[in-house]
Amino acid sequence: MITEAGRKLQEELGYFGEHAASVCSLLHRHAVTYTKIQERWCGEEMNHAKREALEAKEARLEAAIRALVADMPCLTAVRFTGDPRGFCVKVFRTDGNHNTWGGKEEGWGVA
């Protein structure tokens, strides 16, 4: 499903191709979900079973995001952060452009 946020990300990254809007929409959706998980780690008490389930979901999302980034020629890498006060998913562009305070060393914040 193509989203407005995905189209915006596609334009920001300069990624154009046959399925670029779909890929960027999925990347954004996964990044938002990943951020929500980080918020839960910071603000929710969990029993062992809930923690394990959340860890598994987090690992699946990281793998899915890594796979998407690997297939995008405009990106070189991805970094995951655990602090939901900023961008939890940051990608690194081949042209070095960034939208974070840390400059190109911090990458392009997705969500």
PDB file of N, CA and C in Angstrom:
ATOM      1  N   MET A   1       0.836  -1.172   0.000  1.00  0.00           N
ATOM      2  CA  MET A   1       0.000   0.000   0.000  1.00  0.00           C
ATOM      3  C   MET A   1       0.887   1.243   0.000  1.00  0.00           C
ATOM      4  N   ILE A   2       0.638   2.144  -0.897  1.00  0.00           N
ATOM      5  CA  ILE A   2       1.406   3.375  -1.006  1.00  0.00           C
ATOM      6  C   ILE A   2       0.760   4.432  -0.119  1.00  0.00           C
ATOM      7  N   THR A   3       1.574   5.050   0.730  1.00  0.00           N
ATOM      8  CA  THR A   3       1.080   6.073   1.654  1.00  0.00           C
ATOM      9  C   THR A   3       1.656   7.434   1.281  1.00  0.00           C
ATOM     10  N   GLU A   4       1.038   8.481   1.796  1.00  0.00           N
ATOM     11  CA  GLU A   4       1.537   9.836   1.578  1.00  0.00           C
ATOM     12  C   GLU A   4       2.919  10.001   2.198  1.00  0.00           C
ATOM     13  N   ALA A   5       3.096   9.426   3.399  1.00  0.00           N
ATOM     14  CA  ALA A   5       4.407   9.485   4.062  1.00  0.00           C
ATOM     15  C   ALA A   5       5.457   8.756   3.229  1.00  0.00           C
ATOM     16  N   GLY A   6       5.077   7.658   2.601  1.00  0.00           N
ATOM     17  CA  GLY A   6       5.993   6.919   1.746  1.00  0.00           C
ATOM     18  C   GLY A   6       6.384   7.710   0.515  1.00  0.00           C
ATOM     19  N   ARG A   7       5.417   8.382  -0.086  1.00  0.00           N
ATOM     20  CA  ARG A   7       5.714   9.221  -1.252  1.00  0.00           C
ATOM     21  C   ARG A   7       6.657  10.369  -0.865  1.00  0.00           C
ATOM     22  N   LYS A   8       6.414  10.948   0.308  1.00  0.00           N
ATOM     23  CA  LYS A   8       7.278  12.032   0.787  1.00  0.00           C
ATOM     24  C   LYS A   8       8.702  11.515   1.008  1.00  0.00           C
ATOM     25  N   LEU A   9       8.829  10.353   1.647  1.00  0.00           N
ATOM     26  CA  LEU A   9      10.145   9.760   1.870  1.00  0.00           C
ATOM     27  C   LEU A   9      10.832   9.458   0.548  1.00  0.00           C
ATOM     28  N   GLN A  10      10.088   8.944  -0.399  1.00  0.00           N
ATOM     29  CA  GLN A  10      10.635   8.651  -1.722  1.00  0.00           C
ATOM     30  C   GLN A  10      11.234   9.906  -2.341  1.00  0.00           C
ATOM     31  N   GLU A  11      10.507  10.997  -2.260  1.00  0.00           N
ATOM     32  CA  GLU A  11      10.991  12.256  -2.826  1.00  0.00           C
ATOM     33  C   GLU A  11      12.213  12.774  -2.057  1.00  0.00           C
ATOM     34  N   GLU A  12      12.155  12.680  -0.720  1.00  0.00           N
ATOM     35  CA  GLU A  12      13.278  13.149   0.102  1.00  0.00           C
ATOM     36  C   GLU A  12      14.558  12.373  -0.198  1.00  0.00           C
ATOM     37  N   LEU A  13      14.422  11.076  -0.395  1.00  0.00           N
ATOM     38  CA  LEU A  13      15.587  10.230  -0.653  1.00  0.00           C
ATOM     39  C   LEU A  13      16.026  10.259  -2.114  1.00  0.00           C
ATOM     40  N   GLY A  14      15.167  10.766  -2.986  1.00  0.00           N
ATOM     41  CA  GLY A  14      15.484  10.771  -4.404  1.00  0.00           C
ATOM     42  C   GLY A  14      15.515   9.377  -4.991  1.00  0.00           C
ATOM     43  N   TYR A  15      14.639   8.526  -4.480  1.00  0.00           N
ATOM     44  CA  TYR A  15      14.589   7.127  -4.916  1.00  0.00           C
ATOM     45  C   TYR A  15      13.423   6.946  -5.871  1.00  0.00           C
ATOM     46  N   PHE A  16      13.730   6.705  -7.128  1.00  0.00           N
ATOM     47  CA  PHE A  16      12.693   6.550  -8.134  1.00  0.00           C
ATOM     48  C   PHE A  16      12.937   5.267  -8.904  1.00  0.00           C
ATOM     49  N   GLY A  17      11.907   4.553  -9.098  1.00  0.00           N
ATOM     50  CA  GLY A  17      11.986   3.288  -9.813  1.00  0.00           C
ATOM     51  C   GLY A  17      10.606   2.678  -9.877  1.00  0.00           C
ATOM     52  N   GLU A  18      10.552   1.470 -10.364  1.00  0.00           N
ATOM     53  CA  GLU A  18       9.261   0.820 -10.597  1.00  0.00           C
ATOM     54  C   GLU A  18       8.421   0.689  -9.327  1.00  0.00           C
ATOM     55  N   HIS A  19       9.026   0.287  -8.221  1.00  0.00           N
ATOM     56  CA  HIS A  19       8.278   0.061  -6.992  1.00  0.00           C
ATOM     57  C   HIS A  19       8.727   0.993  -5.858  1.00  0.00           C
ATOM     58  N   ALA A  20       9.347   2.105  -6.196  1.00  0.00           N
ATOM     59  CA  ALA A  20       9.944   2.991  -5.195  1.00  0.00           C
ATOM     60  C   ALA A  20       8.920   3.501  -4.175  1.00  0.00           C
ATOM     61  N   ALA A  21       7.754   3.900  -4.616  1.00  0.00           N
ATOM     62  CA  ALA A  21       6.748   4.429  -3.691  1.00  0.00           C
ATOM     63  C   ALA A  21       6.285   3.345  -2.711  1.00  0.00           C
ATOM     64  N   SER A  22       6.132   2.134  -3.188  1.00  0.00           N
ATOM     65  CA  SER A  22       5.727   1.034  -2.310  1.00  0.00           C
ATOM     66  C   SER A  22       6.820   0.699  -1.302  1.00  0.00           C
ATOM     67  N   VAL A  23       8.062   0.659  -1.770  1.00  0.00           N
ATOM     68  CA  VAL A  23       9.192   0.341  -0.898  1.00  0.00           C
ATOM     69  C   VAL A  23       9.344   1.411   0.180  1.00  0.00           C
ATOM     70  N   CYS A  24       9.270   2.671  -0.205  1.00  0.00           N
ATOM     71  CA  CYS A  24       9.407   3.765   0.763  1.00  0.00           C
ATOM     72  C   CYS A  24       8.237   3.789   1.742  1.00  0.00           C
ATOM     73  N   SER A  25       7.049   3.468   1.284  1.00  0.00           N
ATOM     74  CA  SER A  25       5.895   3.395   2.181  1.00  0.00           C
ATOM     75  C   SER A  25       6.092   2.294   3.212  1.00  0.00           C
ATOM     76  N   LEU A  26       6.586   1.146   2.772  1.00  0.00           N
ATOM     77  CA  LEU A  26       6.830   0.040   3.684  1.00  0.00           C
ATOM     78  C   LEU A  26       7.955   0.382   4.663  1.00  0.00           C
ATOM     79  N   LEU A  27       9.019   0.999   4.170  1.00  0.00           N
ATOM     80  CA  LEU A  27      10.119   1.419   5.043  1.00  0.00           C
ATOM     81  C   LEU A  27       9.609   2.375   6.117  1.00  0.00           C
ATOM     82  N   HIS A  28       8.811   3.337   5.726  1.00  0.00           N
ATOM     83  CA  HIS A  28       8.269   4.298   6.696  1.00  0.00           C
ATOM     84  C   HIS A  28       7.353   3.609   7.706  1.00  0.00           C
ATOM     85  N   ARG A  29       6.505   2.731   7.232  1.00  0.00           N
ATOM     86  CA  ARG A  29       5.579   2.016   8.125  1.00  0.00           C
ATOM     87  C   ARG A  29       6.349   1.183   9.152  1.00  0.00           C
ATOM     88  N   HIS A  30       7.366   0.475   8.682  1.00  0.00           N
ATOM     89  CA  HIS A  30       8.200  -0.320   9.596  1.00  0.00           C
ATOM     90  C   HIS A  30       8.924   0.578  10.599  1.00  0.00           C
ATOM     91  N   ALA A  31       9.407   1.723  10.139  1.00  0.00           N
ATOM     92  CA  ALA A  31      10.112   2.645  11.032  1.00  0.00           C
ATOM     93  C   ALA A  31       9.182   3.205  12.114  1.00  0.00           C
ATOM     94  N   VAL A  32       7.959   3.513  11.752  1.00  0.00           N
ATOM     95  CA  VAL A  32       6.987   4.004  12.738  1.00  0.00           C
ATOM     96  C   VAL A  32       6.689   2.916  13.767  1.00  0.00           C
ATOM     97  N   THR A  33       6.499   1.699  13.310  1.00  0.00           N
ATOM     98  CA  THR A  33       6.249   0.582  14.227  1.00  0.00           C
ATOM     99  C   THR A  33       7.448   0.366  15.140  1.00  0.00           C
ATOM    100  N   TYR A  34       8.648   0.452  14.593  1.00  0.00           N
ATOM    101  CA  TYR A  34       9.868   0.295  15.382  1.00  0.00           C
ATOM    102  C   TYR A  34       9.936   1.385  16.464  1.00  0.00           C
ATOM    103  N   THR A  35       9.588   2.601  16.113  1.00  0.00           N
ATOM    104  CA  THR A  35       9.586   3.706  17.075  1.00  0.00           C
ATOM    105  C   THR A  35       8.581   3.452  18.193  1.00  0.00           C
ATOM    106  N   LYS A  36       7.423   2.933  17.850  1.00  0.00           N
ATOM    107  CA  LYS A  36       6.414   2.621  18.876  1.00  0.00           C
ATOM    108  C   LYS A  36       6.916   1.554  19.842  1.00  0.00           C
ATOM    109  N   ILE A  37       7.676   0.601  19.332  1.00  0.00           N
ATOM    110  CA  ILE A  37       8.269  -0.419  20.203  1.00  0.00           C
ATOM    111  C   ILE A  37       9.257   0.236  21.163  1.00  0.00           C
ATOM    112  N   GLN A  38      10.061   1.162  20.666  1.00  0.00           N
ATOM    113  CA  GLN A  38      11.026   1.845  21.533  1.00  0.00           C
ATOM    114  C   GLN A  38      10.300   2.651  22.618  1.00  0.00           C
ATOM    115  N   GLU A  39       9.173   3.246  22.263  1.00  0.00           N
ATOM    116  CA  GLU A  39       8.367   3.967  23.257  1.00  0.00           C
ATOM    117  C   GLU A  39       7.856   3.009  24.333  1.00  0.00           C
ATOM    118  N   ARG A  40       7.458   1.821  23.915  1.00  0.00           N
ATOM    119  CA  ARG A  40       6.980   0.830  24.885  1.00  0.00           C
ATOM    120  C   ARG A  40       8.089   0.403  25.832  1.00  0.00           C
ATOM    121  N   TRP A  41       9.324   0.231  25.312  1.00  0.00           N
ATOM    122  CA  TRP A  41      10.442  -0.148  26.181  1.00  0.00           C
ATOM    123  C   TRP A  41      10.648   0.908  27.267  1.00  0.00           C
ATOM    124  N   CYS A  42      10.434   2.163  26.914  1.00  0.00           N
ATOM    125  CA  CYS A  42      10.695   3.256  27.848  1.00  0.00           C
ATOM    126  C   CYS A  42       9.567   3.494  28.849  1.00  0.00           C
ATOM    127  N   GLY A  43       8.361   3.140  28.495  1.00  0.00           N
ATOM    128  CA  GLY A  43       7.259   3.565  29.335  1.00  0.00           C
ATOM    129  C   GLY A  43       6.278   2.503  29.774  1.00  0.00           C
ATOM    130  N   GLU A  44       6.622   1.252  29.620  1.00  0.00           N
ATOM    131  CA  GLU A  44       5.644   0.207  29.932  1.00  0.00           C
ATOM    132  C   GLU A  44       6.293  -0.906  30.747  1.00  0.00           C
ATOM    133  N   GLU A  45       5.631  -1.293  31.806  1.00  0.00           N
ATOM    134  CA  GLU A  45       6.083  -2.448  32.590  1.00  0.00           C
ATOM    135  C   GLU A  45       5.646  -3.703  31.852  1.00  0.00           C
ATOM    136  N   MET A  46       6.554  -4.685  31.753  1.00  0.00           N
ATOM    137  CA  MET A  46       6.231  -5.897  31.010  1.00  0.00           C
ATOM    138  C   MET A  46       6.671  -7.129  31.770  1.00  0.00           C
ATOM    139  N   ASN A  47       5.865  -8.168  31.617  1.00  0.00           N
ATOM    140  CA  ASN A  47       6.286  -9.458  32.171  1.00  0.00           C
ATOM    141  C   ASN A  47       7.223 -10.119  31.159  1.00  0.00           C
ATOM    142  N   HIS A  48       7.766 -11.252  31.536  1.00  0.00           N
ATOM    143  CA  HIS A  48       8.756 -11.947  30.709  1.00  0.00           C
ATOM    144  C   HIS A  48       8.204 -12.301  29.325  1.00  0.00           C
ATOM    145  N   ALA A  49       6.998 -12.800  29.267  1.00  0.00           N
ATOM    146  CA  ALA A  49       6.401 -13.210  27.987  1.00  0.00           C
ATOM    147  C   ALA A  49       6.214 -12.011  27.059  1.00  0.00           C
ATOM    148  N   LYS A  50       5.753 -10.891  27.598  1.00  0.00           N
ATOM    149  CA  LYS A  50       5.564  -9.686  26.791  1.00  0.00           C
ATOM    150  C   LYS A  50       6.895  -9.168  26.263  1.00  0.00           C
ATOM    151  N   ARG A  51       7.904  -9.211  27.129  1.00  0.00           N
ATOM    152  CA  ARG A  51       9.245  -8.764  26.734  1.00  0.00           C
ATOM    153  C   ARG A  51       9.782  -9.617  25.590  1.00  0.00           C
ATOM    154  N   GLU A  52       9.639 -10.921  25.722  1.00  0.00           N
ATOM    155  CA  GLU A  52      10.115 -11.823  24.662  1.00  0.00           C
ATOM    156  C   GLU A  52       9.384 -11.589  23.346  1.00  0.00           C
ATOM    157  N   ALA A  53       8.079 -11.395  23.424  1.00  0.00           N
ATOM    158  CA  ALA A  53       7.296 -11.149  22.212  1.00  0.00           C
ATOM    159  C   ALA A  53       7.724  -9.840  21.545  1.00  0.00           C
ATOM    160  N   LEU A  54       7.953  -8.822  22.352  1.00  0.00           N
ATOM    161  CA  LEU A  54       8.367  -7.532  21.812  1.00  0.00           C
ATOM    162  C   LEU A  54       9.780  -7.596  21.227  1.00  0.00           C
ATOM    163  N   GLU A  55      10.661  -8.327  21.874  1.00  0.00           N
ATOM    164  CA  GLU A  55      12.017  -8.514  21.340  1.00  0.00           C
ATOM    165  C   GLU A  55      11.982  -9.220  19.987  1.00  0.00           C
ATOM    166  N   ALA A  56      11.123 -10.220  19.856  1.00  0.00           N
ATOM    167  CA  ALA A  56      11.003 -10.953  18.595  1.00  0.00           C
ATOM    168  C   ALA A  56      10.462 -10.037  17.493  1.00  0.00           C
ATOM    169  N   LYS A  57       9.458  -9.234  17.827  1.00  0.00           N
ATOM    170  CA  LYS A  57       8.885  -8.310  16.841  1.00  0.00           C
ATOM    171  C   LYS A  57       9.919  -7.272  16.427  1.00  0.00           C
ATOM    172  N   GLU A  58      10.663  -6.778  17.394  1.00  0.00           N
ATOM    173  CA  GLU A  58      11.713  -5.798  17.112  1.00  0.00           C
ATOM    174  C   GLU A  58      12.766  -6.396  16.166  1.00  0.00           C
ATOM    175  N   ALA A  59      13.161  -7.621  16.413  1.00  0.00           N
ATOM    176  CA  ALA A  59      14.157  -8.293  15.561  1.00  0.00           C
ATOM    177  C   ALA A  59      13.627  -8.490  14.140  1.00  0.00           C
ATOM    178  N   ARG A  60      12.354  -8.868  14.021  1.00  0.00           N
ATOM    179  CA  ARG A  60      11.757  -9.041  12.686  1.00  0.00           C
ATOM    180  C   ARG A  60      11.730  -7.716  11.925  1.00  0.00           C
ATOM    181  N   LEU A  61      11.377  -6.637  12.631  1.00  0.00           N
ATOM    182  CA  LEU A  61      11.343  -5.323  11.983  1.00  0.00           C
ATOM    183  C   LEU A  61      12.735  -4.890  11.542  1.00  0.00           C
ATOM    184  N   GLU A  62      13.726  -5.091  12.400  1.00  0.00           N
ATOM    185  CA  GLU A  62      15.092  -4.724  12.033  1.00  0.00           C
ATOM    186  C   GLU A  62      15.537  -5.484  10.788  1.00  0.00           C
ATOM    187  N   ALA A  63      15.234  -6.756  10.720  1.00  0.00           N
ATOM    188  CA  ALA A  63      15.600  -7.566   9.552  1.00  0.00           C
ATOM    189  C   ALA A  63      14.881  -7.073   8.296  1.00  0.00           C
ATOM    190  N   ALA A  64      13.606  -6.756   8.426  1.00  0.00           N
ATOM    191  CA  ALA A  64      12.831  -6.279   7.277  1.00  0.00           C
ATOM    192  C   ALA A  64      13.349  -4.925   6.793  1.00  0.00           C
ATOM    193  N   ILE A  65      13.666  -4.042   7.726  1.00  0.00           N
ATOM    194  CA  ILE A  65      14.186  -2.727   7.353  1.00  0.00           C
ATOM    195  C   ILE A  65      15.558  -2.870   6.703  1.00  0.00           C
ATOM    196  N   ARG A  66      16.410  -3.707   7.260  1.00  0.00           N
ATOM    197  CA  ARG A  66      17.733  -3.935   6.653  1.00  0.00           C
ATOM    198  C   ARG A  66      17.602  -4.458   5.222  1.00  0.00           C
ATOM    199  N   ALA A  67      16.667  -5.362   5.004  1.00  0.00           N
ATOM    200  CA  ALA A  67      16.454  -5.918   3.661  1.00  0.00           C
ATOM    201  C   ALA A  67      15.982  -4.840   2.688  1.00  0.00           C
ATOM    202  N   LEU A  68      15.075  -3.981   3.129  1.00  0.00           N
ATOM    203  CA  LEU A  68      14.598  -2.896   2.264  1.00  0.00           C
ATOM    204  C   LEU A  68      15.738  -1.950   1.914  1.00  0.00           C
ATOM    205  N   VAL A  69      16.508  -1.557   2.922  1.00  0.00           N
ATOM    206  CA  VAL A  69      17.616  -0.620   2.704  1.00  0.00           C
ATOM    207  C   VAL A  69      18.665  -1.231   1.765  1.00  0.00           C
ATOM    208  N   ALA A  70      18.940  -2.513   1.922  1.00  0.00           N
ATOM    209  CA  ALA A  70      19.930  -3.186   1.067  1.00  0.00           C
ATOM    210  C   ALA A  70      19.534  -3.154  -0.404  1.00  0.00           C
ATOM    211  N   ASP A  71      18.233  -3.112  -0.675  1.00  0.00           N
ATOM    212  CA  ASP A  71      17.753  -3.107  -2.055  1.00  0.00           C
ATOM    213  C   ASP A  71      17.562  -1.710  -2.630  1.00  0.00           C
ATOM    214  N   MET A  72      17.872  -0.681  -1.844  1.00  0.00           N
ATOM    215  CA  MET A  72      17.694   0.695  -2.311  1.00  0.00           C
ATOM    216  C   MET A  72      19.061   1.272  -2.691  1.00  0.00           C
ATOM    217  N   PRO A  73      19.303   1.506  -3.968  1.00  0.00           N
ATOM    218  CA  PRO A  73      20.624   1.972  -4.400  1.00  0.00           C
ATOM    219  C   PRO A  73      21.011   3.355  -3.873  1.00  0.00           C
ATOM    220  N   CYS A  74      20.058   4.130  -3.408  1.00  0.00           N
ATOM    221  CA  CYS A  74      20.354   5.472  -2.896  1.00  0.00           C
ATOM    222  C   CYS A  74      20.809   5.442  -1.431  1.00  0.00           C
ATOM    223  N   LEU A  75      20.787   4.263  -0.802  1.00  0.00           N
ATOM    224  CA  LEU A  75      21.154   4.146   0.604  1.00  0.00           C
ATOM    225  C   LEU A  75      22.333   3.198   0.784  1.00  0.00           C
ATOM    226  N   THR A  76      23.128   3.468   1.824  1.00  0.00           N
ATOM    227  CA  THR A  76      24.293   2.623   2.082  1.00  0.00           C
ATOM    228  C   THR A  76      24.171   1.802   3.356  1.00  0.00           C
ATOM    229  N   ALA A  77      23.394   2.291   4.330  1.00  0.00           N
ATOM    230  CA  ALA A  77      23.310   1.596   5.621  1.00  0.00           C
ATOM    231  C   ALA A  77      22.092   2.086   6.389  1.00  0.00           C
ATOM    232  N   VAL A  78      21.835   1.402   7.508  1.00  0.00           N
ATOM    233  CA  VAL A  78      20.756   1.793   8.418  1.00  0.00           C
ATOM    234  C   VAL A  78      21.286   1.685   9.845  1.00  0.00           C
ATOM    235  N   ARG A  79      20.798   2.562  10.722  1.00  0.00           N
ATOM    236  CA  ARG A  79      21.153   2.507  12.143  1.00  0.00           C
ATOM    237  C   ARG A  79      19.848   2.565  12.948  1.00  0.00           C
ATOM    238  N   PHE A  80      19.783   1.718  13.964  1.00  0.00           N
ATOM    239  CA  PHE A  80      18.627   1.692  14.857  1.00  0.00           C
ATOM    240  C   PHE A  80      19.041   2.289  16.199  1.00  0.00           C
ATOM    241  N   THR A  81      18.208   3.169  16.718  1.00  0.00           N
ATOM    242  CA  THR A  81      18.478   3.740  18.030  1.00  0.00           C
ATOM    243  C   THR A  81      17.335   3.367  18.958  1.00  0.00           C
ATOM    244  N   GLY A  82      17.605   3.358  20.229  1.00  0.00           N
ATOM    245  CA  GLY A  82      16.572   2.983  21.187  1.00  0.00           C
ATOM    246  C   GLY A  82      15.929   4.168  21.876  1.00  0.00           C
ATOM    247  N   ASP A  83      16.225   5.371  21.407  1.00  0.00           N
ATOM    248  CA  ASP A  83      15.711   6.567  22.067  1.00  0.00           C
ATOM    249  C   ASP A  83      14.576   7.174  21.249  1.00  0.00           C
ATOM    250  N   PRO A  84      13.329   7.006  21.693  1.00  0.00           N
ATOM    251  CA  PRO A  84      12.195   7.495  20.909  1.00  0.00           C
ATOM    252  C   PRO A  84      12.030   9.015  20.925  1.00  0.00           C
ATOM    253  N   ARG A  85      12.901   9.732  21.610  1.00  0.00           N
ATOM    254  CA  ARG A  85      12.822  11.197  21.591  1.00  0.00           C
ATOM    255  C   ARG A  85      13.346  11.760  20.278  1.00  0.00           C
ATOM    256  N   GLY A  86      14.048  10.946  19.520  1.00  0.00           N
ATOM    257  CA  GLY A  86      14.561  11.368  18.216  1.00  0.00           C
ATOM    258  C   GLY A  86      14.164  10.332  17.180  1.00  0.00           C
ATOM    259  N   PHE A  87      14.902  10.287  16.107  1.00  0.00           N
ATOM    260  CA  PHE A  87      14.640   9.283  15.076  1.00  0.00           C
ATOM    261  C   PHE A  87      15.156   7.933  15.545  1.00  0.00           C
ATOM    262  N   CYS A  88      14.312   6.925  15.528  1.00  0.00           N
ATOM    263  CA  CYS A  88      14.722   5.572  15.927  1.00  0.00           C
ATOM    264  C   CYS A  88      15.300   4.778  14.767  1.00  0.00           C
ATOM    265  N   VAL A  89      14.981   5.197  13.556  1.00  0.00           N
ATOM    266  CA  VAL A  89      15.529   4.547  12.364  1.00  0.00           C
ATOM    267  C   VAL A  89      16.178   5.639  11.511  1.00  0.00           C
ATOM    268  N   LYS A  90      17.477   5.465  11.280  1.00  0.00           N
ATOM    269  CA  LYS A  90      18.229   6.412  10.461  1.00  0.00           C
ATOM    270  C   LYS A  90      18.890   5.655   9.314  1.00  0.00           C
ATOM    271  N   VAL A  91      18.778   6.216   8.126  1.00  0.00           N
ATOM    272  CA  VAL A  91      19.421   5.615   6.963  1.00  0.00           C
ATOM    273  C   VAL A  91      20.525   6.551   6.480  1.00  0.00           C
ATOM    274  N   PHE A  92      21.452   5.983   5.764  1.00  0.00           N
ATOM    275  CA  PHE A  92      22.575   6.757   5.266  1.00  0.00           C
ATOM    276  C   PHE A  92      22.542   6.781   3.753  1.00  0.00           C
ATOM    277  N   ARG A  93      22.506   7.986   3.222  1.00  0.00           N
ATOM    278  CA  ARG A  93      22.365   8.191   1.785  1.00  0.00           C
ATOM    279  C   ARG A  93      23.722   8.154   1.093  1.00  0.00           C
ATOM    280  N   THR A  94      23.725   7.735  -0.150  1.00  0.00           N
ATOM    281  CA  THR A  94      24.972   7.696  -0.917  1.00  0.00           C
ATOM    282  C   THR A  94      25.524   9.095  -1.151  1.00  0.00           C
ATOM    283  N   ASP A  95      24.644  10.098  -1.217  1.00  0.00           N
ATOM    284  CA  ASP A  95      25.103  11.472  -1.464  1.00  0.00           C
ATOM    285  C   ASP A  95      25.488  12.204  -0.177  1.00  0.00           C
ATOM    286  N   GLY A  96      25.312  11.556   0.987  1.00  0.00           N
ATOM    287  CA  GLY A  96      25.700  12.159   2.257  1.00  0.00           C
ATOM    288  C   GLY A  96      24.705  13.157   2.825  1.00  0.00           C
ATOM    289  N   ASN A  97      23.623  13.433   2.113  1.00  0.00           N
ATOM    290  CA  ASN A  97      22.623  14.359   2.646  1.00  0.00           C
ATOM    291  C   ASN A  97      22.042  13.816   3.939  1.00  0.00           C
ATOM    292  N   HIS A  98      21.625  14.722   4.814  1.00  0.00           N
ATOM    293  CA  HIS A  98      21.105  14.328   6.123  1.00  0.00           C
ATOM    294  C   HIS A  98      20.004  15.292   6.544  1.00  0.00           C
ATOM    295  N   ASN A  99      19.191  14.870   7.483  1.00  0.00           N
ATOM    296  CA  ASN A  99      18.147  15.736   8.044  1.00  0.00           C
ATOM    297  C   ASN A  99      18.196  15.716   9.574  1.00  0.00           C
ATOM    298  N   THR A 100      19.352  15.371  10.107  1.00  0.00           N
ATOM    299  CA  THR A 100      19.513  15.281  11.554  1.00  0.00           C
ATOM    300  C   THR A 100      20.526  16.312  12.031  1.00  0.00           C
ATOM    301  N   TRP A 101      20.461  16.642  13.303  1.00  0.00           N
ATOM    302  CA  TRP A 101      21.375  17.623  13.884  1.00  0.00           C
ATOM    303  C   TRP A 101      22.817  17.128  13.855  1.00  0.00           C
ATOM    304  N   GLY A 102      23.014  15.843  13.863  1.00  0.00           N
ATOM    305  CA  GLY A 102      24.365  15.282  13.903  1.00  0.00           C
ATOM    306  C   GLY A 102      25.084  15.286  12.586  1.00  0.00           C
ATOM    307  N   GLY A 103      24.473  15.784  11.545  1.00  0.00           N
ATOM    308  CA  GLY A 103      25.105  15.837  10.235  1.00  0.00           C
ATOM    309  C   GLY A 103      25.108  14.483   9.543  1.00  0.00           C
ATOM    310  N   LYS A 104      25.957  14.377   8.531  1.00  0.00           N
ATOM    311  CA  LYS A 104      25.945  13.163   7.720  1.00  0.00           C
ATOM    312  C   LYS A 104      26.357  11.921   8.535  1.00  0.00           C
ATOM    313  N   GLU A 105      27.060  12.121   9.650  1.00  0.00           N
ATOM    314  CA  GLU A 105      27.436  10.986  10.502  1.00  0.00           C
ATOM    315  C   GLU A 105      26.215  10.364  11.184  1.00  0.00           C
ATOM    316  N   GLU A 106      25.141  11.141  11.312  1.00  0.00           N
ATOM    317  CA  GLU A 106      23.907  10.646  11.936  1.00  0.00           C
ATOM    318  C   GLU A 106      22.859  10.217  10.925  1.00  0.00           C
ATOM    319  N   GLY A 107      23.051  10.572   9.669  1.00  0.00           N
ATOM    320  CA  GLY A 107      22.170  10.083   8.620  1.00  0.00           C
ATOM    321  C   GLY A 107      20.860  10.826   8.439  1.00  0.00           C
ATOM    322  N   TRP A 108      19.954  10.124   7.788  1.00  0.00           N
ATOM    323  CA  TRP A 108      18.634  10.650   7.445  1.00  0.00           C
ATOM    324  C   TRP A 108      17.605   9.946   8.324  1.00  0.00           C
ATOM    325  N   GLY A 109      16.959  10.700   9.190  1.00  0.00           N
ATOM    326  CA  GLY A 109      15.952  10.118  10.074  1.00  0.00           C
ATOM    327  C   GLY A 109      14.687   9.777   9.315  1.00  0.00           C
ATOM    328  N   VAL A 110      14.255   8.533   9.456  1.00  0.00           N
ATOM    329  CA  VAL A 110      13.039   8.074   8.765  1.00  0.00           C
ATOM    330  C   VAL A 110      11.818   8.268   9.652  1.00  0.00           C
ATOM    331  N   ALA A 111      11.885   7.785  10.883  1.00  0.00           N
ATOM    332  CA  ALA A 111      10.754   7.941  11.811  1.00  0.00           C
ATOM    333  C   ALA A 111      11.242   7.697  13.225  1.00  0.00           C
TER     334      ALA A 111
END
